[in-house]
Amino acid sequence: MMDGWIEIVTRQLILYSLPVLISLTFVTLGESRINRVAVPHPFFAITGRAVWLPLIASIAFHRGMIVAPGGILTPGVKGAAIRCTMHLLLTLAGFLVYTLSLSHMAPTGLPPLHHWWAKVLMFFNLCMAALHLLPLPGQLAGEWLLTSPYCKRMLPLFEHRYSWLIMPLVAASPLPDLLLGGTIVFPVYESLCSHAMHWSQQGL
């Protein structure tokens, strides 16, 4: 049983690693360009325990929603809105690449690896965009709530030295699946896959 769990987790990590690296890098570059803020170092988007622990937690606990927040360049509502928009754009990019991969599928054999990567790119960024609806540090809803005078007392909690633990705990819990997965992410993802299949059959 343990061997099966390790095999599943390893496969998931291999499958998600490249799309996550690409997504977080592009999101950080977009935030840097729009807000005109310099990136501290080339690997800022993909380094740090706050980035990989949520990904490992969501995969290890077999959660439906897979999340991995990247490095935050600019705190506040504007920065969160930019990151959310970038994830939505990457969801669209994944959808288009997935549609093209379906249009050029081999008649026999397993689909190529880029087919699965395109699908993961679409799904992961959809999860990350939906995550902004939760009142969490660095997410759009959380940053917006902190602008309210009634919620400013929560700011020390977000800035606590152990605040990085919030996202891994949320990722490991069934909370994202219950609040966002069944109501938004999974239905939208299923619809996108259906549209991709339809468009590929039409030769688009």
Foldseek 3Di string as FASTA:
>chain_A
DVVVLVVQLVVVCVLQVVLLQVLQQQLVVQLCVVVVNDDPDNCQFQDDCLFCLLQSLLSSLVAPAGAGGTHQDDFAQVSQVSSLVSLVVQLVVLLVQLLVQLLPADPDDDRDSVNSSSLSSNLNSLSVNQVLCDLAGSRNNVRVQCVDPVCVVCVCCCVPPPNSVVSSVVSNDNVCCVPDVVPPRVVVSVVSVVVSNVVSVVVD
